[in-house]
């Protein structure tokens, strides 16, 4: 995630079906915390599970410009979905 952390103008991130797991979602969280201007996040098909969904939600907590979030088939369950809903509302 070093390249992402250095980028100061990132508004769209497309990482669908890249084989991301729980560890990757934690790294993504750390990156997203520094990107409150992200507008679109596409990460369908990464089996991050409920804990990974919570990590992504924590990363998006300060996001104020997010307009598109695609997380189909990530197996985030109710816990991940609930935390994401709170983060982006």
N, C-alpha and C. Protein backbone atom coordinates (compact mmCIF):
# COMPACT_ATOMS: atom_id res chain seq x y z
N UNK A 1 0.80 -1.20 0.00
CA UNK A 1 0.00 0.00 0.00
C UNK A 1 0.85 1.27 0.00
N UNK A 2 2.13 1.16 -0.13
CA UNK A 2 3.00 2.32 -0.08
C UNK A 2 2.64 3.33 -1.15
N UNK A 3 2.40 2.90 -2.38
CA UNK A 3 2.04 3.82 -3.46
C UNK A 3 0.74 4.55 -3.16
N UNK A 4 -0.23 3.84 -2.62
CA UNK A 4 -1.51 4.46 -2.28
C UNK A 4 -1.35 5.49 -1.17
N UNK A 5 -0.50 5.21 -0.23
CA UNK A 5 -0.32 6.14 0.88
C UNK A 5 0.31 7.44 0.41
N UNK A 6 1.14 7.39 -0.61
CA UNK A 6 1.81 8.58 -1.11
C UNK A 6 0.93 9.43 -2.02
N UNK A 7 -0.10 8.82 -2.60
CA UNK A 7 -0.98 9.53 -3.52
C UNK A 7 -1.83 10.54 -2.77
N UNK A 8 -1.78 11.79 -3.20
CA UNK A 8 -2.53 12.85 -2.51
C UNK A 8 -3.80 13.27 -3.23
N UNK A 9 -4.11 12.67 -4.38
CA UNK A 9 -5.29 13.09 -5.14
C UNK A 9 -6.19 11.92 -5.52
N UNK A 10 -6.10 10.81 -4.84
CA UNK A 10 -6.87 9.62 -5.16
C UNK A 10 -8.36 9.86 -4.90
N UNK A 11 -9.20 9.69 -5.92
CA UNK A 11 -10.64 9.82 -5.77
C UNK A 11 -11.36 8.53 -6.14
N UNK A 12 -10.71 7.63 -6.89
CA UNK A 12 -11.30 6.35 -7.27
C UNK A 12 -10.29 5.25 -7.02
N UNK A 13 -10.74 4.20 -6.35
CA UNK A 13 -9.88 3.04 -6.10
C UNK A 13 -10.64 1.80 -6.53
N UNK A 14 -10.11 1.08 -7.51
CA UNK A 14 -10.74 -0.14 -8.02
C UNK A 14 -9.83 -1.33 -7.73
N UNK A 15 -10.23 -2.14 -6.77
CA UNK A 15 -9.44 -3.30 -6.37
C UNK A 15 -10.33 -4.54 -6.29
N UNK A 16 -11.26 -4.67 -7.23
CA UNK A 16 -12.17 -5.81 -7.25
C UNK A 16 -11.44 -7.09 -7.63
N UNK A 17 -11.80 -8.17 -6.95
CA UNK A 17 -11.31 -9.52 -7.24
C UNK A 17 -9.79 -9.60 -7.33
N UNK A 18 -9.12 -9.02 -6.36
CA UNK A 18 -7.65 -9.08 -6.34
C UNK A 18 -7.15 -10.09 -5.31
N UNK A 19 -8.05 -10.85 -4.72
CA UNK A 19 -7.66 -11.85 -3.74
C UNK A 19 -7.37 -11.27 -2.37
N UNK A 20 -7.90 -10.09 -2.10
CA UNK A 20 -7.69 -9.47 -0.79
C UNK A 20 -8.36 -10.30 0.29
N UNK A 21 -7.67 -10.45 1.40
CA UNK A 21 -8.21 -11.14 2.56
C UNK A 21 -8.18 -10.19 3.75
N UNK A 22 -8.32 -10.72 4.92
CA UNK A 22 -8.41 -9.90 6.13
C UNK A 22 -7.20 -8.99 6.31
N UNK A 23 -6.01 -9.49 6.04
CA UNK A 23 -4.80 -8.68 6.21
C UNK A 23 -4.80 -7.49 5.25
N UNK A 24 -5.26 -7.72 4.04
CA UNK A 24 -5.33 -6.64 3.06
C UNK A 24 -6.35 -5.59 3.43
N UNK A 25 -7.45 -6.02 4.05
CA UNK A 25 -8.45 -5.04 4.45
C UNK A 25 -7.95 -4.17 5.60
N UNK A 26 -7.10 -4.72 6.45
CA UNK A 26 -6.50 -3.90 7.51
C UNK A 26 -5.57 -2.85 6.90
N UNK A 27 -4.75 -3.28 5.93
CA UNK A 27 -3.85 -2.34 5.25
C UNK A 27 -4.64 -1.27 4.50
N UNK A 28 -5.74 -1.69 3.88
CA UNK A 28 -6.61 -0.73 3.18
C UNK A 28 -7.18 0.28 4.16
N UNK A 29 -7.59 -0.18 5.33
CA UNK A 29 -8.11 0.73 6.36
C UNK A 29 -7.09 1.82 6.68
N UNK A 30 -5.86 1.43 6.90
CA UNK A 30 -4.81 2.39 7.23
C UNK A 30 -4.64 3.43 6.12
N UNK A 31 -4.75 2.99 4.88
CA UNK A 31 -4.64 3.89 3.74
C UNK A 31 -5.86 4.82 3.65
N UNK A 32 -7.05 4.26 3.81
CA UNK A 32 -8.28 5.04 3.69
C UNK A 32 -8.39 6.12 4.75
N UNK A 33 -7.83 5.87 5.91
CA UNK A 33 -7.87 6.89 6.97
C UNK A 33 -7.19 8.19 6.54
N UNK A 34 -6.28 8.07 5.57
CA UNK A 34 -5.55 9.24 5.08
C UNK A 34 -6.14 9.79 3.78
N UNK A 35 -7.27 9.23 3.35
CA UNK A 35 -7.89 9.62 2.07
C UNK A 35 -9.35 10.02 2.27
N UNK A 36 -9.65 11.06 3.03
CA UNK A 36 -11.05 11.43 3.28
C UNK A 36 -11.77 11.95 2.05
N UNK A 37 -11.06 12.20 0.97
CA UNK A 37 -11.64 12.74 -0.25
C UNK A 37 -11.95 11.65 -1.28
N UNK A 38 -11.77 10.38 -0.94
CA UNK A 38 -12.07 9.28 -1.86
C UNK A 38 -13.56 9.32 -2.21
N UNK A 39 -13.86 9.23 -3.50
CA UNK A 39 -15.25 9.30 -3.96
C UNK A 39 -15.82 7.94 -4.35
N UNK A 40 -14.97 7.04 -4.85
CA UNK A 40 -15.47 5.75 -5.33
C UNK A 40 -14.51 4.64 -4.90
N UNK A 41 -15.09 3.58 -4.34
CA UNK A 41 -14.31 2.41 -3.94
C UNK A 41 -15.00 1.17 -4.49
N UNK A 42 -14.31 0.46 -5.35
CA UNK A 42 -14.81 -0.78 -5.94
C UNK A 42 -13.92 -1.91 -5.44
N UNK A 43 -14.51 -2.81 -4.64
CA UNK A 43 -13.71 -3.93 -4.15
C UNK A 43 -14.52 -5.23 -4.10
N UNK A 44 -15.42 -5.39 -5.06
CA UNK A 44 -16.22 -6.60 -5.18
C UNK A 44 -15.34 -7.84 -5.27
N UNK A 45 -15.84 -8.95 -4.74
CA UNK A 45 -15.19 -10.24 -4.93
C UNK A 45 -13.94 -10.49 -4.10
N UNK A 46 -13.72 -9.72 -3.08
CA UNK A 46 -12.60 -9.98 -2.17
C UNK A 46 -13.18 -10.55 -0.88
N UNK A 47 -12.81 -11.75 -0.53
CA UNK A 47 -13.41 -12.45 0.61
C UNK A 47 -12.78 -11.99 1.91
N UNK A 48 -13.18 -10.79 2.34
CA UNK A 48 -12.57 -10.19 3.52
C UNK A 48 -13.30 -10.57 4.81
N UNK A 49 -14.52 -11.07 4.70
CA UNK A 49 -15.28 -11.50 5.87
C UNK A 49 -15.75 -10.33 6.73
N UNK A 50 -16.48 -10.66 7.81
CA UNK A 50 -17.03 -9.62 8.67
C UNK A 50 -15.96 -8.71 9.30
N UNK A 51 -14.87 -9.29 9.76
CA UNK A 51 -13.82 -8.47 10.37
C UNK A 51 -13.20 -7.52 9.34
N UNK A 52 -13.02 -8.00 8.13
CA UNK A 52 -12.51 -7.14 7.07
C UNK A 52 -13.47 -6.02 6.73
N UNK A 53 -14.78 -6.32 6.78
CA UNK A 53 -15.79 -5.29 6.56
C UNK A 53 -15.71 -4.20 7.61
N UNK A 54 -15.45 -4.60 8.84
CA UNK A 54 -15.30 -3.63 9.92
C UNK A 54 -14.05 -2.78 9.68
N UNK A 55 -12.96 -3.39 9.25
CA UNK A 55 -11.73 -2.63 8.96
C UNK A 55 -11.99 -1.57 7.88
N UNK A 56 -12.66 -1.98 6.80
CA UNK A 56 -12.95 -1.03 5.72
C UNK A 56 -13.84 0.10 6.25
N UNK A 57 -14.83 -0.25 7.05
CA UNK A 57 -15.71 0.77 7.63
C UNK A 57 -14.92 1.75 8.47
N UNK A 58 -14.01 1.25 9.27
CA UNK A 58 -13.18 2.13 10.10
C UNK A 58 -12.35 3.06 9.23
N UNK A 59 -11.89 2.54 8.10
CA UNK A 59 -11.10 3.36 7.18
C UNK A 59 -11.93 4.45 6.51
N UNK A 60 -13.21 4.17 6.33
CA UNK A 60 -14.09 5.14 5.67
C UNK A 60 -14.77 6.09 6.65
N UNK A 61 -14.52 5.94 7.91
CA UNK A 61 -15.23 6.71 8.93
C UNK A 61 -15.16 8.22 8.69
N UNK A 62 -14.01 8.74 8.27
CA UNK A 62 -13.86 10.18 8.05
C UNK A 62 -14.12 10.60 6.61
N UNK A 63 -14.52 9.66 5.78
CA UNK A 63 -14.76 9.97 4.37
C UNK A 63 -15.99 10.84 4.25
N UNK A 64 -15.85 11.96 3.60
CA UNK A 64 -16.96 12.89 3.45
C UNK A 64 -17.42 13.03 2.00
N UNK A 65 -16.68 12.42 1.07
CA UNK A 65 -17.03 12.58 -0.34
C UNK A 65 -17.39 11.27 -1.01
N UNK A 66 -17.46 10.18 -0.27
CA UNK A 66 -17.75 8.87 -0.87
C UNK A 66 -19.16 8.86 -1.46
N UNK A 67 -19.25 8.53 -2.76
CA UNK A 67 -20.55 8.46 -3.42
C UNK A 67 -20.83 7.07 -3.96
N UNK A 68 -19.81 6.25 -4.18
CA UNK A 68 -19.98 4.88 -4.66
C UNK A 68 -19.14 3.93 -3.83
N UNK A 69 -19.79 2.88 -3.33
CA UNK A 69 -19.10 1.82 -2.60
C UNK A 69 -19.62 0.49 -3.11
N UNK A 70 -18.76 -0.29 -3.71
CA UNK A 70 -19.14 -1.59 -4.26
C UNK A 70 -18.38 -2.67 -3.52
N UNK A 71 -19.14 -3.51 -2.78
CA UNK A 71 -18.52 -4.58 -2.00
C UNK A 71 -19.31 -5.88 -2.12
N UNK A 72 -19.84 -6.17 -3.30
CA UNK A 72 -20.58 -7.42 -3.50
C UNK A 72 -19.63 -8.61 -3.37
N UNK A 73 -20.16 -9.68 -2.83
CA UNK A 73 -19.41 -10.94 -2.70
C UNK A 73 -18.13 -10.80 -1.88
N UNK A 74 -18.19 -10.02 -0.82
CA UNK A 74 -17.05 -9.88 0.09
C UNK A 74 -17.29 -10.65 1.39
N UNK A 75 -18.46 -11.25 1.52
CA UNK A 75 -18.81 -12.04 2.71
C UNK A 75 -18.64 -11.26 4.01
N UNK A 76 -19.09 -10.00 4.02
CA UNK A 76 -18.90 -9.18 5.21
C UNK A 76 -19.95 -9.45 6.29
N UNK A 77 -21.02 -10.13 5.95
CA UNK A 77 -22.04 -10.48 6.93
C UNK A 77 -22.74 -9.27 7.53
N UNK A 78 -23.58 -9.54 8.52
CA UNK A 78 -24.36 -8.47 9.16
C UNK A 78 -23.48 -7.49 9.92
N UNK A 79 -22.48 -8.01 10.62
CA UNK A 79 -21.60 -7.15 11.41
C UNK A 79 -20.86 -6.15 10.53
N UNK A 80 -20.26 -6.64 9.45
CA UNK A 80 -19.55 -5.76 8.54
C UNK A 80 -20.47 -4.77 7.86
N UNK A 81 -21.65 -5.24 7.45
CA UNK A 81 -22.62 -4.37 6.78
C UNK A 81 -23.11 -3.28 7.73
N UNK A 82 -23.39 -3.65 8.96
CA UNK A 82 -23.88 -2.69 9.95
C UNK A 82 -22.82 -1.60 10.21
N UNK A 83 -21.60 -2.03 10.39
CA UNK A 83 -20.51 -1.07 10.67
C UNK A 83 -20.28 -0.16 9.47
N UNK A 84 -20.36 -0.70 8.26
CA UNK A 84 -20.22 0.13 7.06
C UNK A 84 -21.35 1.14 6.98
N UNK A 85 -22.56 0.71 7.27
CA UNK A 85 -23.70 1.63 7.21
C UNK A 85 -23.52 2.79 8.19
N UNK A 86 -23.03 2.50 9.37
CA UNK A 86 -22.78 3.57 10.35
C UNK A 86 -21.68 4.50 9.87
N UNK A 87 -20.65 3.95 9.27
CA UNK A 87 -19.50 4.75 8.85
C UNK A 87 -19.85 5.72 7.74
N UNK A 88 -20.69 5.31 6.81
CA UNK A 88 -20.94 6.15 5.65
C UNK A 88 -22.22 6.97 5.76
N UNK A 89 -22.93 6.82 6.86
CA UNK A 89 -24.18 7.58 6.99
C UNK A 89 -23.93 8.94 7.59
